[in-house]
């Protein structure tokens, strides 16, 4: 086989292994087949991507406290607070899209995104319906129902459990308010 073709095939197999498109054993077999048993040295791109993923995890992890501080402990106007929250939702969604192959990041980022959306909707409810607790509990109940739907369709049990517990709690508070 031509050396250029071999290089292309080997790079493609490495890409498959890195993004878990094929099982590790299959990729190792194909690599040993195409390199004729010599193997391939790991490239530095995997360590770079791990560092990038860790930076995304730290960045997304810090978004929630910043959103909480911006929402409840600053003298910014409510519209500006909601705009900042919306920008953080966009950043979190972008992080989820870019790191969709990292399962830990997907779970962690999904939880942070759901909590930021909850804070944004509670802030919006407080801005629109100031003094009306029924609307606030209704918004929280709606968020919990969305969590149940996400939990069922994405098979994430923590969303399902949080949605059910939140729905029960906000339902009880709504009817006792």
C-alpha atoms as a PDB file:
ATOM      1  CA  UNK A   1       0.000   0.000   0.000  1.00  0.00           C
ATOM      2  CA  UNK A   2       1.166   3.531  -0.749  1.00  0.00           C
ATOM      3  CA  UNK A   3       2.734   5.321   2.278  1.00  0.00           C
ATOM      4  CA  UNK A   4       0.450   8.338   1.898  1.00  0.00           C
ATOM      5  CA  UNK A   5      -2.613   6.101   1.917  1.00  0.00           C
ATOM      6  CA  UNK A   6      -1.317   4.233   4.964  1.00  0.00           C
ATOM      7  CA  UNK A   7      -0.798   7.513   6.795  1.00  0.00           C
ATOM      8  CA  UNK A   8      -4.340   8.637   5.961  1.00  0.00           C
ATOM      9  CA  UNK A   9      -5.821   5.319   7.128  1.00  0.00           C
ATOM     10  CA  UNK A  10      -3.767   5.347  10.347  1.00  0.00           C
ATOM     11  CA  UNK A  11      -4.810   8.925  11.129  1.00  0.00           C
ATOM     12  CA  UNK A  12      -8.427   7.985  10.519  1.00  0.00           C
ATOM     13  CA  UNK A  13      -8.162   4.993  12.867  1.00  0.00           C
ATOM     14  CA  UNK A  14      -6.578   7.225  15.523  1.00  0.00           C
ATOM     15  CA  UNK A  15      -9.464   9.653  15.104  1.00  0.00           C
ATOM     16  CA  UNK A  16     -11.957   6.797  15.517  1.00  0.00           C
ATOM     17  CA  UNK A  17     -10.208   5.628  18.677  1.00  0.00           C
ATOM     18  CA  UNK A  18      -9.985   9.123  20.157  1.00  0.00           C
ATOM     19  CA  UNK A  19     -13.673   9.869  19.534  1.00  0.00           C
ATOM     20  CA  UNK A  20     -14.784   6.338  20.486  1.00  0.00           C
ATOM     21  CA  UNK A  21     -16.378   5.647  17.110  1.00  0.00           C
ATOM     22  CA  UNK A  22     -15.038   2.088  17.221  1.00  0.00           C
ATOM     23  CA  UNK A  23     -14.183  -0.052  20.254  1.00  0.00           C
ATOM     24  CA  UNK A  24     -10.612   0.230  21.496  1.00  0.00           C
ATOM     25  CA  UNK A  25      -9.803  -3.387  20.607  1.00  0.00           C
ATOM     26  CA  UNK A  26     -10.876  -2.920  16.987  1.00  0.00           C
ATOM     27  CA  UNK A  27      -8.806   0.231  16.646  1.00  0.00           C
ATOM     28  CA  UNK A  28      -5.755  -1.452  18.162  1.00  0.00           C
ATOM     29  CA  UNK A  29      -6.156  -4.394  15.776  1.00  0.00           C
ATOM     30  CA  UNK A  30      -6.474  -2.109  12.755  1.00  0.00           C
ATOM     31  CA  UNK A  31      -3.495  -0.028  13.865  1.00  0.00           C
ATOM     32  CA  UNK A  32      -1.303  -3.078  14.288  1.00  0.00           C
ATOM     33  CA  UNK A  33      -2.488  -4.336  10.896  1.00  0.00           C
ATOM     34  CA  UNK A  34      -1.731  -1.115   9.023  1.00  0.00           C
ATOM     35  CA  UNK A  35       1.510  -0.315  10.874  1.00  0.00           C
ATOM     36  CA  UNK A  36       2.634  -3.923  10.428  1.00  0.00           C
ATOM     37  CA  UNK A  37       2.997  -4.459  14.160  1.00  0.00           C
ATOM     38  CA  UNK A  38       5.104  -1.357  14.810  1.00  0.00           C
ATOM     39  CA  UNK A  39       2.334   0.580  16.556  1.00  0.00           C
ATOM     40  CA  UNK A  40       1.856   4.306  16.639  1.00  0.00           C
ATOM     41  CA  UNK A  41       3.215   6.746  19.174  1.00  0.00           C
ATOM     42  CA  UNK A  42       0.504   8.741  20.940  1.00  0.00           C
ATOM     43  CA  UNK A  43       0.331  12.270  19.678  1.00  0.00           C
ATOM     44  CA  UNK A  44       0.352  15.412  21.780  1.00  0.00           C
ATOM     45  CA  UNK A  45      -3.117  16.379  20.572  1.00  0.00           C
ATOM     46  CA  UNK A  46      -4.747  14.054  23.106  1.00  0.00           C
ATOM     47  CA  UNK A  47      -3.033  15.811  26.029  1.00  0.00           C
ATOM     48  CA  UNK A  48      -3.937  19.173  24.498  1.00  0.00           C
ATOM     49  CA  UNK A  49      -7.577  18.145  24.147  1.00  0.00           C
ATOM     50  CA  UNK A  50      -7.615  16.923  27.759  1.00  0.00           C
ATOM     51  CA  UNK A  51      -6.259  20.281  28.935  1.00  0.00           C
ATOM     52  CA  UNK A  52      -8.865  22.056  26.826  1.00  0.00           C
ATOM     53  CA  UNK A  53     -11.622  19.876  28.295  1.00  0.00           C
ATOM     54  CA  UNK A  54     -10.430  20.576  31.835  1.00  0.00           C
ATOM     55  CA  UNK A  55     -10.483  24.296  31.092  1.00  0.00           C
ATOM     56  CA  UNK A  56     -14.041  23.987  29.759  1.00  0.00           C
ATOM     57  CA  UNK A  57     -15.086  22.065  32.887  1.00  0.00           C
ATOM     58  CA  UNK A  58     -13.582  24.720  35.162  1.00  0.00           C
ATOM     59  CA  UNK A  59     -15.145  27.499  33.107  1.00  0.00           C
ATOM     60  CA  UNK A  60     -18.599  25.941  33.087  1.00  0.00           C
ATOM     61  CA  UNK A  61     -18.272  25.059  36.784  1.00  0.00           C
ATOM     62  CA  UNK A  62     -17.574  28.694  37.611  1.00  0.00           C
ATOM     63  CA  UNK A  63     -20.545  29.923  35.592  1.00  0.00           C
ATOM     64  CA  UNK A  64     -23.127  28.859  38.164  1.00  0.00           C
ATOM     65  CA  UNK A  65     -21.647  30.798  41.102  1.00  0.00           C
ATOM     66  CA  UNK A  66     -21.124  33.837  38.874  1.00  0.00           C
ATOM     67  CA  UNK A  67     -24.727  33.669  37.636  1.00  0.00           C
ATOM     68  CA  UNK A  68     -25.932  33.349  41.227  1.00  0.00           C
ATOM     69  CA  UNK A  69     -23.829  36.336  42.300  1.00  0.00           C
ATOM     70  CA  UNK A  70     -24.933  38.450  39.344  1.00  0.00           C
ATOM     71  CA  UNK A  71     -28.578  37.594  39.930  1.00  0.00           C
ATOM     72  CA  UNK A  72     -28.857  38.019  43.675  1.00  0.00           C
ATOM     73  CA  UNK A  73     -25.962  40.138  44.948  1.00  0.00           C
ATOM     74  CA  UNK A  74     -25.487  42.978  42.459  1.00  0.00           C
ATOM     75  CA  UNK A  75     -27.248  46.255  41.853  1.00  0.00           C
ATOM     76  CA  UNK A  76     -27.526  45.639  38.098  1.00  0.00           C
ATOM     77  CA  UNK A  77     -30.889  46.148  36.487  1.00  0.00           C
ATOM     78  CA  UNK A  78     -32.953  42.970  36.154  1.00  0.00           C
ATOM     79  CA  UNK A  79     -32.869  43.208  32.358  1.00  0.00           C
ATOM     80  CA  UNK A  80     -29.055  43.315  32.386  1.00  0.00           C
ATOM     81  CA  UNK A  81     -28.965  40.402  34.837  1.00  0.00           C
ATOM     82  CA  UNK A  82     -31.160  38.349  32.534  1.00  0.00           C
ATOM     83  CA  UNK A  83     -29.001  39.273  29.539  1.00  0.00           C
ATOM     84  CA  UNK A  84     -25.880  38.093  31.379  1.00  0.00           C
ATOM     85  CA  UNK A  85     -27.665  34.859  32.329  1.00  0.00           C
ATOM     86  CA  UNK A  86     -28.680  34.348  28.695  1.00  0.00           C
ATOM     87  CA  UNK A  87     -25.062  34.871  27.560  1.00  0.00           C
ATOM     88  CA  UNK A  88     -23.955  32.256  30.103  1.00  0.00           C
ATOM     89  CA  UNK A  89     -26.569  29.847  28.714  1.00  0.00           C
ATOM     90  CA  UNK A  90     -25.089  30.342  25.249  1.00  0.00           C
ATOM     91  CA  UNK A  91     -21.553  29.734  26.580  1.00  0.00           C
ATOM     92  CA  UNK A  92     -22.651  26.589  28.410  1.00  0.00           C
ATOM     93  CA  UNK A  93     -24.463  25.266  25.333  1.00  0.00           C
ATOM     94  CA  UNK A  94     -21.417  25.960  23.188  1.00  0.00           C
ATOM     95  CA  UNK A  95     -19.261  24.044  25.681  1.00  0.00           C
ATOM     96  CA  UNK A  96     -21.655  21.098  25.542  1.00  0.00           C
ATOM     97  CA  UNK A  97     -21.599  21.040  21.756  1.00  0.00           C
ATOM     98  CA  UNK A  98     -17.812  21.276  21.533  1.00  0.00           C
ATOM     99  CA  UNK A  99     -17.199  18.604  24.191  1.00  0.00           C
ATOM    100  CA  UNK A 100     -20.031  16.204  23.415  1.00  0.00           C
ATOM    101  CA  UNK A 101     -17.616  13.245  23.317  1.00  0.00           C
ATOM    102  CA  UNK A 102     -16.577  13.664  26.956  1.00  0.00           C
ATOM    103  CA  UNK A 103     -19.298  12.001  29.048  1.00  0.00           C
ATOM    104  CA  UNK A 104     -18.267  13.647  32.318  1.00  0.00           C
ATOM    105  CA  UNK A 105     -18.436  17.062  30.725  1.00  0.00           C
ATOM    106  CA  UNK A 106     -21.808  16.320  29.136  1.00  0.00           C
ATOM    107  CA  UNK A 107     -23.314  15.339  32.488  1.00  0.00           C
ATOM    108  CA  UNK A 108     -21.669  18.182  34.400  1.00  0.00           C
ATOM    109  CA  UNK A 109     -22.481  20.765  31.734  1.00  0.00           C
ATOM    110  CA  UNK A 110     -26.095  19.572  31.451  1.00  0.00           C
ATOM    111  CA  UNK A 111     -26.634  20.024  35.177  1.00  0.00           C
ATOM    112  CA  UNK A 112     -25.069  23.497  35.149  1.00  0.00           C
ATOM    113  CA  UNK A 113     -27.111  24.474  32.078  1.00  0.00           C
ATOM    114  CA  UNK A 114     -30.352  23.302  33.705  1.00  0.00           C
ATOM    115  CA  UNK A 115     -29.607  25.268  36.876  1.00  0.00           C
ATOM    116  CA  UNK A 116     -28.720  28.429  34.933  1.00  0.00           C
ATOM    117  CA  UNK A 117     -31.966  28.124  32.966  1.00  0.00           C
ATOM    118  CA  UNK A 118     -33.825  27.679  36.262  1.00  0.00           C
ATOM    119  CA  UNK A 119     -32.212  30.843  37.661  1.00  0.00           C
ATOM    120  CA  UNK A 120     -33.005  32.752  34.473  1.00  0.00           C
ATOM    121  CA  UNK A 121     -36.660  31.727  34.470  1.00  0.00           C
ATOM    122  CA  UNK A 122     -37.057  32.459  38.193  1.00  0.00           C
ATOM    123  CA  UNK A 123     -35.463  35.881  37.646  1.00  0.00           C
ATOM    124  CA  UNK A 124     -37.757  36.512  34.670  1.00  0.00           C
ATOM    125  CA  UNK A 125     -40.803  35.426  36.656  1.00  0.00           C
ATOM    126  CA  UNK A 126     -39.824  37.743  39.486  1.00  0.00           C
ATOM    127  CA  UNK A 127     -39.403  40.606  37.022  1.00  0.00           C
ATOM    128  CA  UNK A 128     -42.688  40.023  35.191  1.00  0.00           C
ATOM    129  CA  UNK A 129     -44.945  38.880  38.034  1.00  0.00           C
ATOM    130  CA  UNK A 130     -43.506  40.657  41.073  1.00  0.00           C
ATOM    131  CA  UNK A 131     -45.366  39.625  44.224  1.00  0.00           C
ATOM    132  CA  UNK A 132     -47.341  36.770  42.659  1.00  0.00           C
ATOM    133  CA  UNK A 133     -46.017  33.528  44.130  1.00  0.00           C
ATOM    134  CA  UNK A 134     -48.298  31.355  42.023  1.00  0.00           C
ATOM    135  CA  UNK A 135     -46.456  32.301  38.866  1.00  0.00           C
ATOM    136  CA  UNK A 136     -43.096  31.601  40.472  1.00  0.00           C
ATOM    137  CA  UNK A 137     -44.171  28.133  41.568  1.00  0.00           C
ATOM    138  CA  UNK A 138     -45.694  27.549  38.141  1.00  0.00           C
ATOM    139  CA  UNK A 139     -42.394  28.466  36.447  1.00  0.00           C
ATOM    140  CA  UNK A 140     -40.489  26.155  38.779  1.00  0.00           C
ATOM    141  CA  UNK A 141     -43.002  23.384  38.096  1.00  0.00           C
ATOM    142  CA  UNK A 142     -42.596  23.941  34.357  1.00  0.00           C
ATOM    143  CA  UNK A 143     -38.793  23.665  34.706  1.00  0.00           C
ATOM    144  CA  UNK A 144     -39.199  20.418  36.661  1.00  0.00           C
ATOM    145  CA  UNK A 145     -41.503  18.988  34.002  1.00  0.00           C
ATOM    146  CA  UNK A 146     -38.876  19.868  31.378  1.00  0.00           C
ATOM    147  CA  UNK A 147     -36.263  18.071  33.500  1.00  0.00           C
ATOM    148  CA  UNK A 148     -38.498  14.985  33.583  1.00  0.00           C
ATOM    149  CA  UNK A 149     -38.836  15.086  29.787  1.00  0.00           C
ATOM    150  CA  UNK A 150     -35.072  15.508  29.355  1.00  0.00           C
ATOM    151  CA  UNK A 151     -34.459  12.684  31.831  1.00  0.00           C
ATOM    152  CA  UNK A 152     -36.753  10.317  29.983  1.00  0.00           C
ATOM    153  CA  UNK A 153     -35.518  11.058  26.469  1.00  0.00           C
ATOM    154  CA  UNK A 154     -31.800  11.306  27.266  1.00  0.00           C
ATOM    155  CA  UNK A 155     -31.913   8.469  29.834  1.00  0.00           C
ATOM    156  CA  UNK A 156     -30.319  10.639  32.512  1.00  0.00           C
ATOM    157  CA  UNK A 157     -31.745   9.436  35.800  1.00  0.00           C
ATOM    158  CA  UNK A 158     -30.588  12.448  37.784  1.00  0.00           C
ATOM    159  CA  UNK A 159     -32.761  14.750  35.643  1.00  0.00           C
ATOM    160  CA  UNK A 160     -35.711  12.415  36.066  1.00  0.00           C
ATOM    161  CA  UNK A 161     -35.276  12.205  39.849  1.00  0.00           C
ATOM    162  CA  UNK A 162     -34.703  15.957  40.240  1.00  0.00           C
ATOM    163  CA  UNK A 163     -37.703  16.697  38.036  1.00  0.00           C
ATOM    164  CA  UNK A 164     -40.013  14.379  39.956  1.00  0.00           C
ATOM    165  CA  UNK A 165     -38.874  15.641  43.370  1.00  0.00           C
ATOM    166  CA  UNK A 166     -39.044  19.265  42.239  1.00  0.00           C
ATOM    167  CA  UNK A 167     -42.505  18.764  40.721  1.00  0.00           C
ATOM    168  CA  UNK A 168     -43.827  17.208  43.901  1.00  0.00           C
ATOM    169  CA  UNK A 169     -42.302  19.942  46.067  1.00  0.00           C
ATOM    170  CA  UNK A 170     -43.407  22.850  43.901  1.00  0.00           C
ATOM    171  CA  UNK A 171     -46.866  21.273  43.460  1.00  0.00           C
ATOM    172  CA  UNK A 172     -47.294  20.992  47.222  1.00  0.00           C
ATOM    173  CA  UNK A 173     -46.079  24.557  47.743  1.00  0.00           C
ATOM    174  CA  UNK A 174     -48.273  25.844  44.922  1.00  0.00           C
ATOM    175  CA  UNK A 175     -51.426  24.390  46.427  1.00  0.00           C
ATOM    176  CA  UNK A 176     -50.512  25.417  50.001  1.00  0.00           C
ATOM    177  CA  UNK A 177     -49.531  28.971  49.055  1.00  0.00           C
END
